[in-house]
Amino acid sequence: MDDLSLHILDIMENSVTAGAKMIGLEVREETGKNRLIIQIKDDGKGMDKETLTKVLDPFYTKKTVRRVGLGLSMLAQAAKEAGGSFKIDSELGKGTNISAIFVYDHIDRKPLGNMAETISAFIVGSGTEVDLIYRHHKNGNEFVFSSIEVKKILEGVAINNPEVIAFLKDYIQGGLNEISERSRK
């Protein structure tokens, strides 16, 4: 996986598997401070201390089907390769918090990727039972997407309806384009 957004999607899918009903994703692009920060928080079942010590091993998984848990280990590795850091906190019954910091202009920093595609794919895959609040900051400008607010507007139409997803993908991309444009001024 070359884009950080794919690691983010994998980790959010892990949150759903862990029973999360609310996921918070925050991306901060701070070019003035030369850093990119990615934070993912969920209210899933969390991990015990033993699992937490093994979770960055790319071959460790609790899944009984073919997939292995690469998202966390790959995000951690990507952060370290780009001169950054990675931190994970988790507590049984309370959820998990993940933070990855990258040197923004480091030659080995992977591209962020297409966040509108990532959020849309997550909504399609996670169904209607999980809520997501996605905040993207770029040099002091902010875009916020809340599936809770979207569900209120939809008045009974499923958020993972293909027409809704197509609209949301354009909406999110438009919001990200707008904060990028404002951050250049």
Foldseek 3Di string as FASTA:
>chain_A
DQALLVLVLLVVVVLVVLVFQEKEWEWEAAVVVQKIKIKIWTQGQWDDPVCVVCLLPQQDDPDPDDDTRNSQVVLQVLLVVQVWHKDKDTDGRGTIMIMGMGRNPRPSRGHNPQNLVSVLVSPLVSWQRHWYWYWYHYNHDIDIDTVVVVCVVVVPDTCNDPVNSVVSSVVVVVRVVVNVVVNVD
